[in-house]
C-alpha cells in the first residue's frame, strides 16, 4: 500500500516516500547549460499546454508486480489515479491535499499536496528551470529525461520523468523509494484536453460501517 502511494504522489506525479510533513526541497542555485535550459523550457511549455489529461497507465513495482489503471488530471491541482480491480487503491488530489483510499481496509489517508512534488504536473504554470525540485536534465535515445528530488535530505535524484523528444509528451516516470526499490509508471494512449466530471475529484470517503 505504501509503495503504491509513493509511486503516484510523485509526479507525476509523486512521492510521499520521504514522509509527509517534510519541507520542500531547499533552495539551490543550479547552473544549467544553454542546451539544458532549452530542454527544460520545452518540457515546461508542454506541461503548461495541458489543462486536462486522461490516460491509461501500467505500473511495475520493485518486486515486479504489475498494476494497471486510469489517470485523470485537471489543472490546477487535481489528479486521480484509479487502479483496476482487484486493486483496492484510489488516489485523489484536490483542494490542496492528497487522499489515498484502500477499499479493502476501509481507510482513507490524507497528506498535504505541498509535501509532494505533484506541482511538477499540477501547478497553473510550470517553470522547471526555476523549480528547486529539478536537479538535472538530458536528452538521449529520443527522450528528454528530467531528474528531480523530493526532500531536503537528499541532493541526488529519486524521481526520473521521461518525455518523448519530438512532441515532448510525458511517457513515464520512475520513483526510487527509501529502500532502494524502483517503481515505474508508463502512460498508455494519453488524451489531452478531455472534459472531466467534477465527481472524479471528489474526496474519497470510507464505506459506512456494516
N, C-alpha and C. Protein backbone atom coordinates (compact mmCIF):
# COMPACT_ATOMS: atom_id res chain seq x y z
N UNK A 1 0.83 -1.20 0.00
CA UNK A 1 0.00 0.00 0.00
C UNK A 1 0.86 1.25 0.00
N UNK A 2 1.86 1.29 0.88
CA UNK A 2 2.71 2.47 0.97
C UNK A 2 3.44 2.71 -0.34
N UNK A 3 3.97 1.64 -0.97
CA UNK A 3 4.71 1.84 -2.21
C UNK A 3 3.80 2.27 -3.35
N UNK A 4 2.55 1.84 -3.33
CA UNK A 4 1.61 2.32 -4.32
C UNK A 4 1.44 3.82 -4.18
N UNK A 5 1.27 4.29 -2.96
CA UNK A 5 1.11 5.73 -2.74
C UNK A 5 2.34 6.49 -3.20
N UNK A 6 3.50 5.94 -2.93
CA UNK A 6 4.74 6.59 -3.33
C UNK A 6 4.80 6.75 -4.83
N UNK A 7 4.45 5.71 -5.54
CA UNK A 7 4.61 5.70 -6.98
C UNK A 7 3.84 6.84 -7.63
N UNK A 8 2.70 7.18 -7.08
CA UNK A 8 1.85 8.12 -7.78
C UNK A 8 1.89 9.52 -7.23
N UNK A 9 2.03 9.68 -5.95
CA UNK A 9 2.06 11.04 -5.48
C UNK A 9 3.41 11.66 -5.77
N UNK A 10 4.19 11.02 -6.58
CA UNK A 10 5.37 11.65 -7.14
C UNK A 10 5.09 12.39 -8.42
N UNK A 11 4.78 12.62 -9.14
CA UNK A 11 5.00 13.30 -10.33
C UNK A 11 5.15 14.17 -10.39
N UNK A 12 4.02 12.67 -12.08
CA UNK A 12 3.79 12.71 -11.63
C UNK A 12 3.88 13.06 -11.08
N UNK A 13 3.30 12.36 -10.75
CA UNK A 13 3.36 12.52 -10.20
C UNK A 13 3.42 12.32 -9.62
N UNK A 14 4.97 13.10 -6.74
CA UNK A 14 4.73 11.69 -6.82
C UNK A 14 5.25 10.97 -5.65
N UNK A 15 5.88 11.59 -4.76
CA UNK A 15 6.38 10.72 -3.72
C UNK A 15 6.10 11.26 -2.35
N UNK A 16 5.54 10.42 -1.55
CA UNK A 16 5.45 10.63 -0.13
C UNK A 16 6.59 9.87 0.52
N UNK A 17 7.51 9.42 -0.30
CA UNK A 17 8.48 8.44 0.14
C UNK A 17 9.44 8.96 1.19
N UNK A 18 9.54 10.25 1.36
CA UNK A 18 10.39 10.75 2.44
C UNK A 18 9.56 11.06 3.67
N UNK A 19 8.27 10.79 3.60
CA UNK A 19 7.40 11.01 4.75
C UNK A 19 6.67 12.32 4.65
N UNK A 20 5.39 12.31 4.95
CA UNK A 20 4.61 13.54 4.93
C UNK A 20 5.12 14.48 6.01
N UNK A 21 5.00 15.79 5.72
CA UNK A 21 5.38 16.79 6.70
C UNK A 21 6.78 17.32 6.51
N UNK A 22 7.56 16.76 5.59
CA UNK A 22 8.89 17.29 5.36
C UNK A 22 8.80 18.57 4.56
N UNK A 23 9.82 19.39 4.68
CA UNK A 23 9.85 20.64 3.95
C UNK A 23 10.11 20.37 2.48
N UNK A 24 9.76 21.38 1.67
CA UNK A 24 10.06 21.30 0.25
C UNK A 24 11.56 21.33 0.05
N UNK A 25 12.05 20.90 -1.13
CA UNK A 25 13.48 20.91 -1.37
C UNK A 25 14.09 22.28 -1.12
N UNK A 26 15.23 22.31 -0.44
CA UNK A 26 15.88 23.57 -0.12
C UNK A 26 16.36 24.27 -1.38
N UNK A 27 16.48 25.57 -1.30
CA UNK A 27 16.82 26.34 -2.48
C UNK A 27 18.28 26.14 -2.83
N UNK A 28 18.52 25.70 -4.04
CA UNK A 28 19.85 25.56 -4.58
C UNK A 28 19.93 26.35 -5.87
N UNK A 29 21.08 26.94 -6.13
CA UNK A 29 21.26 27.70 -7.36
C UNK A 29 21.97 26.80 -8.36
N UNK A 30 21.21 26.31 -9.32
CA UNK A 30 21.76 25.37 -10.28
C UNK A 30 22.16 26.11 -11.55
N UNK A 31 23.32 25.74 -12.08
CA UNK A 31 23.81 26.34 -13.31
C UNK A 31 23.53 25.38 -14.46
N UNK A 32 22.53 25.69 -15.26
CA UNK A 32 22.21 24.87 -16.42
C UNK A 32 22.92 25.43 -17.65
N UNK A 33 23.32 24.54 -18.53
CA UNK A 33 23.86 24.98 -19.81
C UNK A 33 22.72 25.53 -20.67
N UNK A 34 23.08 26.23 -21.74
CA UNK A 34 22.06 26.75 -22.65
C UNK A 34 21.21 25.61 -23.21
N UNK A 35 21.86 24.49 -23.52
CA UNK A 35 21.13 23.34 -24.06
C UNK A 35 20.15 22.78 -23.04
N UNK A 36 20.58 22.70 -21.78
CA UNK A 36 19.69 22.19 -20.74
C UNK A 36 18.51 23.12 -20.52
N UNK A 37 18.75 24.42 -20.56
CA UNK A 37 17.65 25.37 -20.37
C UNK A 37 16.63 25.25 -21.50
N UNK A 38 17.11 25.04 -22.71
CA UNK A 38 16.19 24.85 -23.84
C UNK A 38 15.33 23.61 -23.61
N UNK A 39 15.95 22.53 -23.14
CA UNK A 39 15.19 21.31 -22.86
C UNK A 39 14.14 21.54 -21.78
N UNK A 40 14.54 22.19 -20.68
CA UNK A 40 13.60 22.44 -19.59
C UNK A 40 12.48 23.37 -20.04
N UNK A 41 12.80 24.36 -20.86
CA UNK A 41 11.77 25.27 -21.36
C UNK A 41 10.80 24.53 -22.28
N UNK A 42 11.30 23.59 -23.08
CA UNK A 42 10.41 22.81 -23.96
C UNK A 42 9.46 21.95 -23.13
N UNK A 43 10.00 21.31 -22.10
CA UNK A 43 9.16 20.47 -21.25
C UNK A 43 8.14 21.33 -20.50
N UNK A 44 8.58 22.48 -19.99
CA UNK A 44 7.67 23.37 -19.28
C UNK A 44 6.53 23.82 -20.19
N UNK A 45 6.86 24.19 -21.43
CA UNK A 45 5.83 24.63 -22.37
C UNK A 45 4.83 23.52 -22.65
N UNK A 46 5.33 22.30 -22.76
CA UNK A 46 4.43 21.16 -23.00
C UNK A 46 3.49 20.94 -21.82
N UNK A 47 4.03 21.00 -20.60
CA UNK A 47 3.20 20.81 -19.41
C UNK A 47 2.20 21.95 -19.25
N UNK A 48 2.62 23.17 -19.58
CA UNK A 48 1.72 24.32 -19.44
C UNK A 48 0.58 24.28 -20.46
N UNK A 49 0.79 23.58 -21.56
CA UNK A 49 -0.26 23.46 -22.59
C UNK A 49 -1.36 22.50 -22.17
N UNK A 50 -1.09 21.68 -21.16
CA UNK A 50 -2.07 20.70 -20.70
C UNK A 50 -2.99 21.34 -19.66
N UNK A 51 -4.27 21.37 -19.95
CA UNK A 51 -5.26 21.80 -18.96
C UNK A 51 -5.95 20.60 -18.34
N UNK A 52 -6.12 19.55 -19.13
CA UNK A 52 -6.69 18.31 -18.62
C UNK A 52 -6.08 17.15 -19.40
N UNK A 53 -6.09 15.98 -18.78
CA UNK A 53 -5.49 14.80 -19.41
C UNK A 53 -6.15 13.55 -18.85
N UNK A 54 -6.33 12.56 -19.72
CA UNK A 54 -6.79 11.24 -19.31
C UNK A 54 -5.92 10.20 -19.99
N UNK A 55 -5.47 9.21 -19.24
CA UNK A 55 -4.56 8.22 -19.80
C UNK A 55 -4.65 6.91 -19.04
N UNK A 56 -4.52 5.82 -19.76
CA UNK A 56 -4.28 4.56 -19.09
C UNK A 56 -2.86 4.53 -18.56
N UNK A 57 -2.60 3.69 -17.58
CA UNK A 57 -1.23 3.54 -17.10
C UNK A 57 -0.96 2.10 -16.72
N UNK A 58 0.31 1.76 -16.75
CA UNK A 58 0.77 0.47 -16.25
C UNK A 58 1.91 0.74 -15.28
N UNK A 59 1.86 0.13 -14.12
CA UNK A 59 2.85 0.33 -13.06
C UNK A 59 3.58 -0.98 -12.80
N UNK A 60 4.90 -0.89 -12.73
CA UNK A 60 5.72 -2.05 -12.38
C UNK A 60 6.43 -1.73 -11.07
N UNK A 61 6.15 -2.49 -10.04
CA UNK A 61 6.69 -2.24 -8.72
C UNK A 61 8.08 -2.82 -8.52
N UNK A 62 8.69 -2.54 -7.38
CA UNK A 62 10.05 -3.03 -7.10
C UNK A 62 10.16 -4.55 -7.14
N UNK A 63 9.06 -5.23 -6.83
CA UNK A 63 9.06 -6.70 -6.83
C UNK A 63 8.61 -7.28 -8.16
N UNK A 64 8.42 -6.42 -9.17
CA UNK A 64 7.98 -6.88 -10.48
C UNK A 64 6.47 -6.98 -10.62
N UNK A 65 5.74 -6.70 -9.55
CA UNK A 65 4.28 -6.76 -9.62
C UNK A 65 3.75 -5.68 -10.57
N UNK A 66 2.75 -6.05 -11.36
CA UNK A 66 2.19 -5.14 -12.37
C UNK A 66 0.77 -4.73 -11.97
N UNK A 67 0.51 -3.42 -12.01
CA UNK A 67 -0.82 -2.88 -11.77
C UNK A 67 -1.18 -1.99 -12.96
N UNK A 68 -2.47 -1.89 -13.25
CA UNK A 68 -2.93 -1.02 -14.33
C UNK A 68 -4.10 -0.17 -13.84
N UNK A 69 -4.37 0.92 -14.56
CA UNK A 69 -5.48 1.77 -14.18
C UNK A 69 -5.60 2.95 -15.11
N UNK A 70 -6.30 3.99 -14.64
CA UNK A 70 -6.55 5.20 -15.43
C UNK A 70 -6.17 6.42 -14.61
N UNK A 71 -5.51 7.37 -15.27
CA UNK A 71 -5.08 8.62 -14.67
C UNK A 71 -5.91 9.77 -15.23
N UNK A 72 -6.34 10.67 -14.36
CA UNK A 72 -7.07 11.87 -14.76
C UNK A 72 -6.37 13.08 -14.15
N UNK A 73 -6.13 14.12 -14.94
CA UNK A 73 -5.54 15.36 -14.45
C UNK A 73 -6.40 16.53 -14.89
N UNK A 74 -6.66 17.45 -13.97
CA UNK A 74 -7.30 18.72 -14.31
C UNK A 74 -6.57 19.81 -13.54
N UNK A 75 -5.99 20.75 -14.27
CA UNK A 75 -5.23 21.82 -13.64
C UNK A 75 -6.12 23.02 -13.36
N UNK A 76 -5.80 23.72 -12.26
CA UNK A 76 -4.71 23.44 -11.33
C UNK A 76 -5.13 22.51 -10.19
N UNK A 77 -4.20 21.65 -9.81
CA UNK A 77 -4.27 20.99 -8.52
C UNK A 77 -5.11 19.74 -8.36
N UNK A 78 -5.63 19.16 -9.48
CA UNK A 78 -6.50 17.99 -9.30
C UNK A 78 -5.98 16.81 -10.11
N UNK A 79 -5.94 15.65 -9.47
CA UNK A 79 -5.46 14.44 -10.12
C UNK A 79 -6.15 13.23 -9.49
N UNK A 80 -6.36 12.20 -10.29
CA UNK A 80 -6.98 10.97 -9.80
C UNK A 80 -6.25 9.78 -10.42
N UNK A 81 -5.80 8.86 -9.57
CA UNK A 81 -5.22 7.59 -10.01
C UNK A 81 -6.19 6.49 -9.62
N UNK A 82 -6.79 5.89 -10.60
CA UNK A 82 -7.82 4.87 -10.38
C UNK A 82 -7.28 3.52 -10.85
N UNK A 83 -7.01 2.64 -9.89
CA UNK A 83 -6.47 1.32 -10.22
C UNK A 83 -7.58 0.38 -10.65
N UNK A 84 -7.24 -0.50 -11.59
CA UNK A 84 -8.17 -1.55 -11.99
C UNK A 84 -8.32 -2.59 -10.89
N UNK A 85 -9.49 -3.22 -10.83
CA UNK A 85 -9.70 -4.35 -9.93
C UNK A 85 -8.70 -5.45 -10.29
N UNK A 86 -8.19 -6.20 -9.30
CA UNK A 86 -8.68 -6.27 -7.92
C UNK A 86 -8.01 -5.30 -6.94
N UNK A 87 -7.21 -4.35 -7.44
CA UNK A 87 -6.56 -3.41 -6.52
C UNK A 87 -7.61 -2.60 -5.78
N UNK A 88 -7.43 -2.40 -4.46
CA UNK A 88 -8.39 -1.62 -3.67
C UNK A 88 -8.04 -0.14 -3.59
N UNK A 89 -7.01 0.29 -4.31
CA UNK A 89 -6.43 1.63 -4.10
C UNK A 89 -7.04 2.67 -5.03
N UNK A 90 -7.31 3.84 -4.46
CA UNK A 90 -7.73 5.03 -5.20
C UNK A 90 -6.96 6.21 -4.62
N UNK A 91 -6.36 7.04 -5.49
CA UNK A 91 -5.62 8.22 -5.05
C UNK A 91 -6.22 9.44 -5.72
N UNK A 92 -6.58 10.45 -4.92
CA UNK A 92 -7.16 11.68 -5.44
C UNK A 92 -6.45 12.87 -4.80
N UNK A 93 -6.03 13.83 -5.63
CA UNK A 93 -5.51 15.10 -5.13
C UNK A 93 -6.52 16.18 -5.49
N UNK A 94 -6.95 16.94 -4.49
CA UNK A 94 -7.90 18.02 -4.69
C UNK A 94 -7.87 18.94 -3.48
N UNK A 95 -8.14 20.22 -3.68
CA UNK A 95 -8.22 21.14 -2.56
C UNK A 95 -6.96 21.23 -1.73
N UNK A 96 -5.79 21.03 -2.36
CA UNK A 96 -4.52 21.16 -1.64
C UNK A 96 -4.12 19.95 -0.83
N UNK A 97 -4.82 18.82 -1.01
CA UNK A 97 -4.50 17.61 -0.25
C UNK A 97 -4.51 16.40 -1.17
N UNK A 98 -3.79 15.36 -0.75
CA UNK A 98 -3.76 14.08 -1.45
C UNK A 98 -4.41 13.03 -0.55
N UNK A 99 -5.38 12.30 -1.09
CA UNK A 99 -6.10 11.28 -0.34
C UNK A 99 -5.81 9.91 -0.94
N UNK A 100 -5.45 8.97 -0.09
CA UNK A 100 -5.17 7.60 -0.51
C UNK A 100 -6.19 6.68 0.16
N UNK A 101 -7.06 6.10 -0.64
CA UNK A 101 -8.11 5.22 -0.11
C UNK A 101 -7.77 3.77 -0.39
N UNK A 102 -7.92 2.93 0.62
CA UNK A 102 -7.82 1.48 0.46
C UNK A 102 -9.19 0.90 0.79
N UNK A 103 -9.92 0.49 -0.24
CA UNK A 103 -11.28 -0.01 -0.03
C UNK A 103 -11.29 -1.31 0.75
N UNK A 104 -10.25 -2.11 0.60
CA UNK A 104 -10.20 -3.39 1.31
C UNK A 104 -10.08 -3.17 2.82
N UNK A 105 -9.23 -2.22 3.21
CA UNK A 105 -9.04 -1.92 4.63
C UNK A 105 -10.04 -0.88 5.13
N UNK A 106 -10.77 -0.27 4.20
CA UNK A 106 -11.71 0.81 4.51
C UNK A 106 -11.01 1.96 5.25
N UNK A 107 -9.90 2.41 4.65
CA UNK A 107 -9.12 3.52 5.22
C UNK A 107 -8.96 4.62 4.17
N UNK A 108 -8.85 5.86 4.64
CA UNK A 108 -8.53 7.00 3.79
C UNK A 108 -7.46 7.81 4.51
N UNK A 109 -6.27 7.88 3.92
CA UNK A 109 -5.17 8.66 4.49
C UNK A 109 -5.05 9.98 3.74
N UNK A 110 -4.76 11.05 4.48
CA UNK A 110 -4.66 12.39 3.90
C UNK A 110 -3.25 12.93 4.07
N UNK A 111 -2.72 13.54 3.00
CA UNK A 111 -1.41 14.16 3.01
C UNK A 111 -1.54 15.56 2.40
N UNK A 112 -0.67 16.45 2.78
CA UNK A 112 -0.65 17.78 2.18
C UNK A 112 -0.04 17.70 0.79
N UNK A 113 -0.71 18.32 -0.17
CA UNK A 113 -0.19 18.34 -1.53
C UNK A 113 1.17 19.02 -1.59
N UNK A 114 1.40 20.00 -0.71
CA UNK A 114 2.67 20.73 -0.70
C UNK A 114 3.83 19.85 -0.26
N UNK A 115 3.55 18.69 0.36
CA UNK A 115 4.60 17.78 0.77
C UNK A 115 5.01 16.83 -0.34
N UNK A 116 4.45 17.00 -1.52
CA UNK A 116 4.78 16.15 -2.66
C UNK A 116 5.24 17.04 -3.82
N UNK A 117 5.95 16.47 -4.78
CA UNK A 117 6.35 17.25 -5.96
C UNK A 117 5.31 17.21 -7.06
N UNK A 118 4.03 17.02 -6.72
CA UNK A 118 2.99 16.98 -7.74
C UNK A 118 2.84 18.30 -8.48
N UNK A 119 3.39 19.37 -7.90
CA UNK A 119 3.35 20.65 -8.58
C UNK A 119 4.04 20.61 -9.93
N UNK A 120 4.94 19.66 -10.12
CA UNK A 120 5.58 19.50 -11.43
C UNK A 120 4.54 19.28 -12.52
N UNK A 121 3.39 18.73 -12.15
CA UNK A 121 2.34 18.48 -13.12
C UNK A 121 1.10 19.34 -12.93
N UNK A 122 0.81 19.71 -11.68
CA UNK A 122 -0.50 20.27 -11.37
C UNK A 122 -0.54 21.78 -11.21
N UNK A 123 0.62 22.44 -11.12
CA UNK A 123 0.61 23.89 -10.97
C UNK A 123 0.01 24.56 -12.19
N UNK A 124 -0.59 25.73 -11.97
CA UNK A 124 -1.16 26.51 -13.07
C UNK A 124 -0.09 26.82 -14.11
N UNK A 125 1.08 27.21 -13.62
CA UNK A 125 2.22 27.48 -14.51
C UNK A 125 3.43 26.72 -14.00
N UNK A 126 4.13 26.08 -14.92
CA UNK A 126 5.31 25.28 -14.58
C UNK A 126 6.54 25.93 -15.20
N UNK A 127 7.60 26.10 -14.42
CA UNK A 127 8.88 26.58 -14.92
C UNK A 127 9.96 25.69 -14.31
N UNK A 128 10.29 24.63 -15.02
CA UNK A 128 11.20 23.63 -14.46
C UNK A 128 12.60 24.18 -14.22
N UNK A 129 13.01 25.15 -15.01
CA UNK A 129 14.36 25.71 -14.83
C UNK A 129 14.49 26.42 -13.50
N UNK A 130 13.37 26.86 -12.92
CA UNK A 130 13.38 27.56 -11.64
C UNK A 130 12.85 26.70 -10.50
N UNK A 131 12.40 25.51 -10.81
CA UNK A 131 11.83 24.63 -9.79
C UNK A 131 12.95 23.93 -9.04
N UNK A 132 12.99 24.11 -7.71
CA UNK A 132 14.10 23.59 -6.92
C UNK A 132 14.03 22.08 -6.73
N UNK A 133 12.91 21.47 -7.13
CA UNK A 133 12.85 20.00 -7.10
C UNK A 133 13.64 19.39 -8.24
N UNK A 134 13.84 20.15 -9.32
CA UNK A 134 14.53 19.64 -10.51
C UNK A 134 16.03 19.82 -10.32
N UNK A 135 16.77 18.74 -10.57
CA UNK A 135 18.22 18.83 -10.37
C UNK A 135 19.03 18.43 -11.60
N UNK A 136 18.37 18.10 -12.70
CA UNK A 136 19.12 17.77 -13.90
C UNK A 136 18.21 17.42 -15.07
N UNK A 137 18.76 17.54 -16.28
CA UNK A 137 18.02 17.18 -17.49
C UNK A 137 19.01 16.78 -18.57
N UNK A 138 18.62 15.83 -19.40
CA UNK A 138 19.45 15.41 -20.52
C UNK A 138 18.56 14.86 -21.62
N UNK A 139 19.11 14.81 -22.82
CA UNK A 139 18.40 14.23 -23.96
C UNK A 139 19.22 13.09 -24.53
N UNK A 140 18.60 11.92 -24.64
CA UNK A 140 19.29 10.77 -25.22
C UNK A 140 18.28 9.75 -25.72
N UNK A 141 18.66 9.04 -26.76
CA UNK A 141 17.86 7.94 -27.30
C UNK A 141 16.42 8.37 -27.57
N UNK A 142 16.24 9.57 -28.13
CA UNK A 142 14.91 10.03 -28.48
C UNK A 142 14.04 10.43 -27.31
N UNK A 143 14.64 10.70 -26.17
CA UNK A 143 13.87 11.05 -24.97
C UNK A 143 14.52 12.20 -24.23
N UNK A 144 13.69 13.01 -23.58
CA UNK A 144 14.16 14.04 -22.65
C UNK A 144 13.94 13.51 -21.25
N UNK A 145 14.99 13.47 -20.46
CA UNK A 145 14.93 12.87 -19.13
C UNK A 145 15.17 13.96 -18.09
N UNK A 146 14.18 14.15 -17.22
CA UNK A 146 14.26 15.15 -16.15
C UNK A 146 14.43 14.43 -14.82
N UNK A 147 15.46 14.81 -14.08
CA UNK A 147 15.71 14.22 -12.76
C UNK A 147 15.29 15.20 -11.67
N UNK A 148 14.61 14.68 -10.66
CA UNK A 148 14.11 15.53 -9.58
C UNK A 148 14.27 14.82 -8.25
N UNK A 149 14.02 15.56 -7.17
CA UNK A 149 14.14 15.01 -5.82
C UNK A 149 12.92 15.45 -5.02
N UNK A 150 12.74 14.85 -3.86
CA UNK A 150 11.53 15.11 -3.09
C UNK A 150 11.75 15.70 -1.72
N UNK A 151 12.98 15.76 -1.22
CA UNK A 151 13.14 16.22 0.15
C UNK A 151 14.45 16.95 0.36
N UNK A 152 14.53 17.64 1.50
CA UNK A 152 15.72 18.42 1.82
C UNK A 152 16.92 17.56 2.17
N UNK A 153 16.69 16.30 2.50
CA UNK A 153 17.81 15.47 2.98
C UNK A 153 18.48 14.71 1.85
N UNK A 154 18.25 15.11 0.62
CA UNK A 154 18.93 14.46 -0.49
C UNK A 154 19.30 15.48 -1.55
N UNK A 155 20.50 15.33 -2.08
CA UNK A 155 20.93 16.13 -3.22
C UNK A 155 20.86 15.33 -4.51
N UNK A 156 20.68 14.02 -4.40
CA UNK A 156 20.59 13.18 -5.58
C UNK A 156 19.13 12.98 -5.98
N UNK A 157 18.94 12.57 -7.22
CA UNK A 157 17.59 12.39 -7.75
C UNK A 157 16.95 11.12 -7.23
N UNK A 158 15.65 11.17 -6.94
CA UNK A 158 14.91 9.94 -6.68
C UNK A 158 13.63 9.87 -7.51
N UNK A 159 13.47 10.80 -8.44
CA UNK A 159 12.38 10.75 -9.42
C UNK A 159 12.97 11.01 -10.80
N UNK A 160 12.60 10.20 -11.77
CA UNK A 160 13.02 10.40 -13.15
C UNK A 160 11.78 10.48 -14.03
N UNK A 161 11.61 11.60 -14.73
CA UNK A 161 10.50 11.80 -15.65
C UNK A 161 11.02 11.69 -17.07
N UNK A 162 10.33 10.92 -17.91
CA UNK A 162 10.77 10.70 -19.29
C UNK A 162 9.72 11.25 -20.25
N UNK A 163 10.17 12.13 -21.15
CA UNK A 163 9.32 12.73 -22.17
C UNK A 163 9.84 12.33 -23.55
N UNK A 164 8.94 12.19 -24.51
CA UNK A 164 9.38 11.96 -25.89
C UNK A 164 10.09 13.22 -26.37
N UNK A 165 11.12 13.03 -27.19
CA UNK A 165 11.94 14.16 -27.62
C UNK A 165 11.25 15.02 -28.67
N UNK A 166 10.49 14.38 -29.57
CA UNK A 166 9.89 15.12 -30.68
C UNK A 166 8.77 16.03 -30.25
N UNK A 167 7.66 15.44 -29.79
CA UNK A 167 6.49 16.24 -29.40
C UNK A 167 6.44 16.52 -27.90
N UNK A 168 7.46 16.12 -27.17
CA UNK A 168 7.61 16.41 -25.74
C UNK A 168 6.36 16.00 -24.96
N UNK A 169 5.99 14.73 -25.06
CA UNK A 169 4.89 14.18 -24.28
C UNK A 169 5.44 13.36 -23.12
N UNK A 170 4.81 13.49 -21.96
CA UNK A 170 5.20 12.67 -20.82
C UNK A 170 4.90 11.22 -21.12
N UNK A 171 5.92 10.35 -21.00
CA UNK A 171 5.77 8.94 -21.31
C UNK A 171 5.76 8.06 -20.06
N UNK A 172 6.66 8.35 -19.14
CA UNK A 172 6.73 7.52 -17.93
C UNK A 172 7.54 8.24 -16.87
N UNK A 173 7.45 7.72 -15.64
CA UNK A 173 8.31 8.19 -14.56
C UNK A 173 8.68 7.03 -13.67
N UNK A 174 9.81 7.18 -13.00
CA UNK A 174 10.30 6.16 -12.07
C UNK A 174 10.60 6.82 -10.73
N UNK A 175 10.16 6.18 -9.66
CA UNK A 175 10.39 6.67 -8.31
C UNK A 175 11.24 5.65 -7.56
N UNK A 176 12.30 6.12 -6.92
CA UNK A 176 13.13 5.26 -6.07
C UNK A 176 12.75 5.52 -4.62
N UNK A 177 12.36 4.47 -3.89
CA UNK A 177 11.94 4.66 -2.51
C UNK A 177 13.13 4.58 -1.56
N UNK A 178 12.88 4.77 -0.29
CA UNK A 178 13.96 4.81 0.69
C UNK A 178 14.64 3.47 0.89
N UNK A 179 14.04 2.40 0.40
CA UNK A 179 14.66 1.08 0.48
C UNK A 179 15.43 0.75 -0.79
N UNK A 180 15.49 1.69 -1.75
CA UNK A 180 16.23 1.48 -2.98
C UNK A 180 15.44 0.80 -4.07
N UNK A 181 14.15 0.55 -3.84
CA UNK A 181 13.32 -0.09 -4.85
C UNK A 181 12.77 0.92 -5.84
N UNK A 182 12.67 0.52 -7.11
CA UNK A 182 12.16 1.40 -8.15
C UNK A 182 10.74 1.00 -8.56
N UNK A 183 9.87 2.00 -8.69
CA UNK A 183 8.53 1.81 -9.23
C UNK A 183 8.41 2.66 -10.48
N UNK A 184 8.06 2.03 -11.60
CA UNK A 184 7.93 2.73 -12.88
C UNK A 184 6.47 2.76 -13.31
N UNK A 185 6.03 3.93 -13.74
CA UNK A 185 4.67 4.12 -14.25
C UNK A 185 4.77 4.62 -15.68
N UNK A 186 4.16 3.90 -16.62
CA UNK A 186 4.17 4.28 -18.03
C UNK A 186 2.75 4.62 -18.47
N UNK A 187 2.59 5.75 -19.17
CA UNK A 187 1.29 6.16 -19.66
C UNK A 187 0.96 5.43 -20.95
N UNK A 188 -0.32 5.14 -21.15
CA UNK A 188 -0.79 4.43 -22.34
C UNK A 188 -1.93 5.21 -22.98
N UNK A 189 -1.73 5.60 -24.25
CA UNK A 189 -2.76 6.30 -25.03
C UNK A 189 -3.30 7.54 -24.32
N UNK A 190 -2.41 8.47 -23.94
CA UNK A 190 -2.90 9.68 -23.26
C UNK A 190 -3.74 10.56 -24.18
N UNK A 191 -4.79 11.15 -23.63
CA UNK A 191 -5.66 12.10 -24.33
C UNK A 191 -5.56 13.45 -23.64
N UNK A 192 -5.18 14.47 -24.38
CA UNK A 192 -5.03 15.81 -23.82
C UNK A 192 -6.28 16.62 -24.12
N UNK A 193 -6.79 17.31 -23.09
CA UNK A 193 -7.91 18.22 -23.27
C UNK A 193 -9.30 17.67 -23.12
N UNK A 194 -9.49 16.48 -22.52
CA UNK A 194 -10.86 15.98 -22.38
C UNK A 194 -11.63 16.77 -21.32
N UNK A 195 -12.96 16.76 -21.44
CA UNK A 195 -13.81 17.32 -20.40
C UNK A 195 -14.00 16.27 -19.31
N UNK A 196 -13.63 16.61 -18.08
CA UNK A 196 -13.68 15.65 -16.98
C UNK A 196 -14.74 16.06 -15.97
N UNK A 197 -15.47 15.09 -15.47
CA UNK A 197 -16.52 15.35 -14.49
C UNK A 197 -15.91 15.72 -13.14
N UNK A 198 -16.53 16.68 -12.46
CA UNK A 198 -16.06 17.07 -11.13
C UNK A 198 -16.07 15.91 -10.16
N UNK A 199 -16.98 14.97 -10.36
CA UNK A 199 -17.10 13.83 -9.44
C UNK A 199 -15.84 12.99 -9.39
N UNK A 200 -15.04 13.04 -10.45
CA UNK A 200 -13.80 12.27 -10.46
C UNK A 200 -12.85 12.72 -9.36
N UNK A 201 -12.96 13.98 -8.95
CA UNK A 201 -12.02 14.55 -7.99
C UNK A 201 -12.66 14.78 -6.62
N UNK A 202 -13.76 14.10 -6.37
CA UNK A 202 -14.39 14.17 -5.05
C UNK A 202 -13.49 13.50 -4.02
N UNK A 203 -13.48 14.03 -2.81
CA UNK A 203 -12.67 13.45 -1.74
C UNK A 203 -13.19 12.04 -1.42
N UNK A 204 -12.31 11.03 -1.46
CA UNK A 204 -12.75 9.67 -1.13
C UNK A 204 -13.19 9.58 0.33
N UNK A 205 -14.16 8.75 0.58
CA UNK A 205 -14.65 8.56 1.95
C UNK A 205 -14.69 7.07 2.26
N UNK A 206 -14.67 6.76 3.54
CA UNK A 206 -14.79 5.38 3.97
C UNK A 206 -16.20 4.88 3.70
N UNK A 207 -16.31 3.57 3.52
CA UNK A 207 -17.63 2.96 3.38
C UNK A 207 -18.33 2.97 4.73
N UNK A 208 -19.66 3.12 4.76
CA UNK A 208 -20.38 3.07 6.03
C UNK A 208 -20.15 1.75 6.74
N UNK A 209 -20.08 1.78 8.04
CA UNK A 209 -19.89 0.54 8.81
C UNK A 209 -21.08 -0.37 8.62
N UNK A 210 -20.77 -1.67 8.51
CA UNK A 210 -21.84 -2.65 8.31
C UNK A 210 -22.68 -2.75 9.58
